[in-house]
C-alpha atoms as a PDB file:
ATOM      1  CA  MET A   1       0.000   0.000   0.000  1.00  0.00           C
ATOM      2  CA  LYS A   2       2.814   2.375   0.908  1.00  0.00           C
ATOM      3  CA  PHE A   3       4.507   1.702  -2.460  1.00  0.00           C
ATOM      4  CA  PHE A   4       1.235   2.467  -4.311  1.00  0.00           C
ATOM      5  CA  PHE A   5       0.866   5.752  -2.389  1.00  0.00           C
ATOM      6  CA  ILE A   6       4.406   6.863  -3.347  1.00  0.00           C
ATOM      7  CA  ILE A   7       3.788   6.040  -7.023  1.00  0.00           C
ATOM      8  CA  LEU A   8       0.466   7.896  -6.950  1.00  0.00           C
ATOM      9  CA  LEU A   9       2.102  11.006  -5.441  1.00  0.00           C
ATOM     10  CA  THR A  10       4.897  10.856  -8.023  1.00  0.00           C
ATOM     11  CA  VAL A  11       2.399  10.636 -10.902  1.00  0.00           C
ATOM     12  CA  ILE A  12       0.355  13.543  -9.504  1.00  0.00           C
ATOM     13  CA  PHE A  13       3.507  15.627  -9.086  1.00  0.00           C
ATOM     14  CA  ILE A  14       4.700  14.952 -12.650  1.00  0.00           C
ATOM     15  CA  VAL A  15       1.297  15.656 -14.203  1.00  0.00           C
ATOM     16  CA  SER A  16       0.706  18.833 -12.190  1.00  0.00           C
ATOM     17  CA  CYS A  17       4.066  20.380 -13.072  1.00  0.00           C
ATOM     18  CA  ASP A  18       3.099  20.799 -16.750  1.00  0.00           C
ATOM     19  CA  GLY A  19       6.464  22.122 -17.878  1.00  0.00           C
ATOM     20  CA  GLY A  20       7.777  22.970 -14.445  1.00  0.00           C
ATOM     21  CA  LEU A  21       9.861  26.103 -14.283  1.00  0.00           C
ATOM     22  CA  ALA A  22       9.784  26.868 -17.986  1.00  0.00           C
ATOM     23  CA  PRO A  23      12.020  29.830 -18.929  1.00  0.00           C
ATOM     24  CA  THR A  24       9.257  31.589 -20.795  1.00  0.00           C
ATOM     25  CA  GLU A  25       6.662  34.175 -19.956  1.00  0.00           C
ATOM     26  CA  PRO A  26       3.212  33.490 -21.359  1.00  0.00           C
ATOM     27  CA  GLY A  27       2.559  35.359 -24.584  1.00  0.00           C
ATOM     28  CA  LEU A  28       6.188  36.077 -25.471  1.00  0.00           C
ATOM     29  CA  GLU A  29       7.164  32.768 -27.087  1.00  0.00           C
ATOM     30  CA  ASN A  30       6.210  33.825 -30.640  1.00  0.00           C
ATOM     31  CA  LYS A  31       7.157  37.497 -30.352  1.00  0.00           C
ATOM     32  CA  THR A  32      10.252  39.012 -31.925  1.00  0.00           C
ATOM     33  CA  GLY A  33      12.424  40.462 -29.161  1.00  0.00           C
ATOM     34  CA  PHE A  34      14.316  39.665 -25.993  1.00  0.00           C
ATOM     35  CA  GLY A  35      14.249  40.131 -22.246  1.00  0.00           C
ATOM     36  CA  GLY A  36      15.986  39.307 -19.021  1.00  0.00           C
ATOM     37  CA  THR A  37      16.987  40.647 -15.654  1.00  0.00           C
ATOM     38  CA  ILE A  38      19.034  43.714 -14.789  1.00  0.00           C
ATOM     39  CA  THR A  39      20.851  43.335 -11.455  1.00  0.00           C
ATOM     40  CA  PHE A  40      22.084  46.470  -9.679  1.00  0.00           C
ATOM     41  CA  ILE A  41      24.982  46.251  -7.218  1.00  0.00           C
ATOM     42  CA  GLY A  42      25.999  49.157  -4.989  1.00  0.00           C
ATOM     43  CA  ASP A  43      24.443  52.482  -4.130  1.00  0.00           C
ATOM     44  CA  TRP A  44      22.408  54.512  -6.604  1.00  0.00           C
ATOM     45  CA  ASP A  45      23.563  58.088  -7.241  1.00  0.00           C
ATOM     46  CA  PRO A  46      20.752  60.295  -5.857  1.00  0.00           C
ATOM     47  CA  GLU A  47      21.294  62.818  -8.702  1.00  0.00           C
ATOM     48  CA  ILE A  48      20.273  60.301 -11.396  1.00  0.00           C
ATOM     49  CA  THR A  49      17.025  61.327 -13.076  1.00  0.00           C
ATOM     50  CA  GLN A  50      16.640  58.407 -15.505  1.00  0.00           C
ATOM     51  CA  THR A  51      17.920  54.890 -15.974  1.00  0.00           C
ATOM     52  CA  ASN A  52      17.114  53.145 -19.245  1.00  0.00           C
ATOM     53  CA  ILE A  53      18.045  50.156 -21.361  1.00  0.00           C
ATOM     54  CA  VAL A  54      19.360  51.055 -24.831  1.00  0.00           C
ATOM     55  CA  LEU A  55      20.019  48.908 -27.881  1.00  0.00           C
ATOM     56  CA  PHE A  56      22.165  49.998 -30.820  1.00  0.00           C
ATOM     57  CA  LYS A  57      22.331  48.266 -34.203  1.00  0.00           C
ATOM     58  CA  ASP A  58      25.967  49.140 -34.908  1.00  0.00           C
ATOM     59  CA  PRO A  59      28.917  49.326 -32.477  1.00  0.00           C
ATOM     60  CA  LEU A  60      29.617  52.600 -30.692  1.00  0.00           C
ATOM     61  CA  LEU A  61      33.069  53.239 -32.155  1.00  0.00           C
ATOM     62  CA  SER A  62      32.803  57.026 -32.150  1.00  0.00           C
ATOM     63  CA  GLU A  63      30.653  59.689 -30.510  1.00  0.00           C
ATOM     64  CA  ALA A  64      28.797  60.032 -33.829  1.00  0.00           C
ATOM     65  CA  ASP A  65      27.535  56.411 -33.533  1.00  0.00           C
ATOM     66  CA  PHE A  66      25.404  57.455 -30.552  1.00  0.00           C
ATOM     67  CA  ASN A  67      22.540  58.695 -32.730  1.00  0.00           C
ATOM     68  CA  ILE A  68      18.828  58.203 -33.319  1.00  0.00           C
ATOM     69  CA  GLN A  69      19.380  56.250 -36.572  1.00  0.00           C
ATOM     70  CA  ASN A  70      21.550  53.700 -34.753  1.00  0.00           C
ATOM     71  CA  LEU A  71      19.313  53.505 -31.652  1.00  0.00           C
ATOM     72  CA  ARG A  72      16.839  50.647 -32.043  1.00  0.00           C
ATOM     73  CA  TYR A  73      15.331  50.440 -28.561  1.00  0.00           C
ATOM     74  CA  LEU A  74      14.944  52.621 -25.479  1.00  0.00           C
ATOM     75  CA  SER A  75      13.158  51.175 -22.459  1.00  0.00           C
ATOM     76  CA  THR A  76      10.845  52.902 -20.085  1.00  0.00           C
ATOM     77  CA  SER A  77      12.684  54.329 -17.084  1.00  0.00           C
ATOM     78  CA  ILE A  78      13.876  51.912 -14.403  1.00  0.00           C
ATOM     79  CA  PRO A  79      12.930  53.125 -10.901  1.00  0.00           C
ATOM     80  CA  SER A  80      15.813  54.483  -8.787  1.00  0.00           C
ATOM     81  CA  GLY A  81      16.926  52.233  -5.961  1.00  0.00           C
ATOM     82  CA  THR A  82      15.926  49.050  -7.770  1.00  0.00           C
ATOM     83  CA  THR A  83      18.109  46.023  -7.028  1.00  0.00           C
ATOM     84  CA  GLU A  84      16.638  43.746  -9.683  1.00  0.00           C
ATOM     85  CA  TYR A  85      14.559  44.677 -12.733  1.00  0.00           C
ATOM     86  CA  ASN A  86      12.886  42.247 -15.125  1.00  0.00           C
ATOM     87  CA  TYR A  87      12.378  43.637 -18.614  1.00  0.00           C
ATOM     88  CA  ASN A  88      11.356  42.656 -22.096  1.00  0.00           C
ATOM     89  CA  THR A  89      11.435  44.587 -25.346  1.00  0.00           C
ATOM     90  CA  VAL A  90       7.777  43.868 -26.044  1.00  0.00           C
ATOM     91  CA  ASP A  91       6.274  45.519 -22.937  1.00  0.00           C
ATOM     92  CA  SER A  92       8.822  47.992 -21.546  1.00  0.00           C
ATOM     93  CA  ILE A  93       9.317  50.147 -24.628  1.00  0.00           C
ATOM     94  CA  LEU A  94       9.633  53.921 -24.777  1.00  0.00           C
ATOM     95  CA  PHE A  95      11.156  54.126 -28.271  1.00  0.00           C
ATOM     96  CA  GLY A  96      11.968  51.749 -31.086  1.00  0.00           C
ATOM     97  CA  ASN A  97      10.977  48.372 -32.344  1.00  0.00           C
ATOM     98  CA  VAL A  98      13.206  45.339 -32.015  1.00  0.00           C
ATOM     99  CA  GLU A  99      13.122  43.434 -35.280  1.00  0.00           C
ATOM    100  CA  ALA A 100      14.902  40.280 -36.364  1.00  0.00           C
ATOM    101  CA  GLY A 101      18.596  40.918 -36.953  1.00  0.00           C
ATOM    102  CA  LYS A 102      21.968  41.401 -35.286  1.00  0.00           C
ATOM    103  CA  TYR A 103      22.582  44.099 -32.707  1.00  0.00           C
ATOM    104  CA  ALA A 104      25.991  45.242 -31.510  1.00  0.00           C
ATOM    105  CA  TYR A 105      25.448  47.092 -28.230  1.00  0.00           C
ATOM    106  CA  LEU A 106      22.948  46.597 -25.390  1.00  0.00           C
ATOM    107  CA  ALA A 107      23.486  48.610 -22.234  1.00  0.00           C
ATOM    108  CA  VAL A 108      21.927  50.186 -19.176  1.00  0.00           C
ATOM    109  CA  VAL A 109      22.515  53.931 -19.141  1.00  0.00           C
ATOM    110  CA  GLN A 110      21.867  56.720 -16.666  1.00  0.00           C
ATOM    111  CA  THR A 111      21.546  60.473 -16.918  1.00  0.00           C
ATOM    112  CA  LYS A 112      21.277  63.459 -14.619  1.00  0.00           C
ATOM    113  CA  ALA A 113      19.521  65.466 -17.345  1.00  0.00           C
ATOM    114  CA  GLU A 114      15.838  66.276 -16.898  1.00  0.00           C
ATOM    115  CA  GLU A 115      14.917  65.588 -20.547  1.00  0.00           C
ATOM    116  CA  ILE A 116      15.816  62.617 -22.741  1.00  0.00           C
ATOM    117  CA  SER A 117      18.723  63.636 -24.928  1.00  0.00           C
ATOM    118  CA  MET A 118      20.716  62.049 -27.741  1.00  0.00           C
ATOM    119  CA  ASP A 119      23.775  64.019 -26.666  1.00  0.00           C
ATOM    120  CA  ARG A 120      26.335  61.335 -25.740  1.00  0.00           C
ATOM    121  CA  LYS A 121      27.848  63.397 -22.916  1.00  0.00           C
ATOM    122  CA  ASP A 122      24.490  63.294 -21.074  1.00  0.00           C
ATOM    123  CA  TRP A 123      24.606  59.505 -20.608  1.00  0.00           C
ATOM    124  CA  PHE A 124      26.778  57.239 -18.480  1.00  0.00           C
ATOM    125  CA  VAL A 125      26.869  53.480 -19.140  1.00  0.00           C
ATOM    126  CA  VAL A 126      26.446  51.471 -15.926  1.00  0.00           C
ATOM    127  CA  GLY A 127      26.039  47.987 -17.406  1.00  0.00           C
ATOM    128  CA  VAL A 128      26.665  46.264 -20.739  1.00  0.00           C
ATOM    129  CA  TYR A 129      25.308  42.966 -22.043  1.00  0.00           C
ATOM    130  CA  GLN A 130      28.127  40.476 -22.430  1.00  0.00           C
ATOM    131  CA  SER A 131      27.449  37.194 -24.181  1.00  0.00           C
ATOM    132  CA  ARG A 132      29.296  34.081 -23.068  1.00  0.00           C
ATOM    133  CA  GLU A 133      31.304  34.182 -26.300  1.00  0.00           C
ATOM    134  CA  SER A 134      32.392  37.816 -25.977  1.00  0.00           C
ATOM    135  CA  GLY A 135      33.951  37.620 -22.510  1.00  0.00           C
ATOM    136  CA  SER A 136      34.364  41.184 -21.265  1.00  0.00           C
ATOM    137  CA  GLU A 137      33.450  42.888 -24.568  1.00  0.00           C
ATOM    138  CA  PRO A 138      29.888  43.983 -25.384  1.00  0.00           C
ATOM    139  CA  GLY A 139      27.976  40.953 -26.626  1.00  0.00           C
ATOM    140  CA  GLU A 140      26.304  40.826 -30.002  1.00  0.00           C
ATOM    141  CA  ILE A 141      22.658  39.755 -29.912  1.00  0.00           C
ATOM    142  CA  THR A 142      20.985  37.911 -32.767  1.00  0.00           C
ATOM    143  CA  ILE A 143      17.191  38.039 -32.761  1.00  0.00           C
ATOM    144  CA  GLU A 144      15.202  35.690 -34.964  1.00  0.00           C
ATOM    145  CA  GLU A 145      11.815  36.491 -36.492  1.00  0.00           C
ATOM    146  CA  ASN A 146       8.914  35.435 -34.241  1.00  0.00           C
ATOM    147  CA  LYS A 147      11.278  34.117 -31.563  1.00  0.00           C
ATOM    148  CA  PHE A 148      11.778  35.646 -28.157  1.00  0.00           C
ATOM    149  CA  LYS A 149      15.262  35.407 -26.658  1.00  0.00           C
ATOM    150  CA  PHE A 150      15.186  34.922 -22.884  1.00  0.00           C
ATOM    151  CA  ASP A 151      17.930  35.455 -20.284  1.00  0.00           C
ATOM    152  CA  VAL A 152      19.542  38.515 -21.861  1.00  0.00           C
ATOM    153  CA  ASN A 153      20.795  39.616 -18.448  1.00  0.00           C
ATOM    154  CA  ILE A 154      22.948  42.575 -17.457  1.00  0.00           C
ATOM    155  CA  ILE A 155      24.807  43.292 -14.221  1.00  0.00           C
ATOM    156  CA  CYS A 156      25.241  46.940 -13.245  1.00  0.00           C
ATOM    157  CA  ASP A 157      27.934  47.309 -10.612  1.00  0.00           C
ATOM    158  CA  PHE A 158      27.995  50.988  -9.616  1.00  0.00           C
ATOM    159  CA  ASN A 159      31.371  50.430  -7.913  1.00  0.00           C
ATOM    160  CA  ASN A 160      32.915  48.950 -11.050  1.00  0.00           C
ATOM    161  CA  PRO A 161      31.292  50.501 -14.162  1.00  0.00           C
ATOM    162  CA  PRO A 162      32.149  49.209 -17.634  1.00  0.00           C
ATOM    163  CA  PRO A 163      34.357  51.095 -20.090  1.00  0.00           C
ATOM    164  CA  GLN A 164      32.508  54.068 -21.567  1.00  0.00           C
ATOM    165  CA  PRO A 165      31.876  54.321 -25.313  1.00  0.00           C
ATOM    166  CA  PRO A 166      33.534  57.285 -27.088  1.00  0.00           C
ATOM    167  CA  GLY A 167      32.173  60.715 -26.177  1.00  0.00           C
ATOM    168  CA  GLY A 168      31.352  59.973 -22.538  1.00  0.00           C
ATOM    169  CA  GLU A 169      32.968  61.196 -19.382  1.00  0.00           C
END
């Protein structure tokens, strides 16, 4: 009887899991885009007015590359003091549209300016996406049509910020 009870519990457990801890959010599986978690380490600068996620199509090799034609995505503002922020390019969008293709630079940026500006000197990079293949360099992201890429995570360590693209402080 005891053996039957254990088997019954095991079957109920397996059937009720229905995929278990699947790494997807409902409704995103067939969308074109990506998402993940931003982790913030250290103390937030109280003078920061905005923190956003930005995505650029081409690498930021010069100050001129930080422009509206190269910018493909700008997230809604991340609340100050946040320690962990889940995002996706389908729901948390302020500007842009992530389409299928390759992207060279994904970062979390902050500004002390009151208005959103495309002036490079107004932004400070606090975290950069790094793929497993790229090591410490910014990671390229390839997005496929009608496929959502999960686990595009970024760590923002305020005590150890990444190298700044050209044109920054």
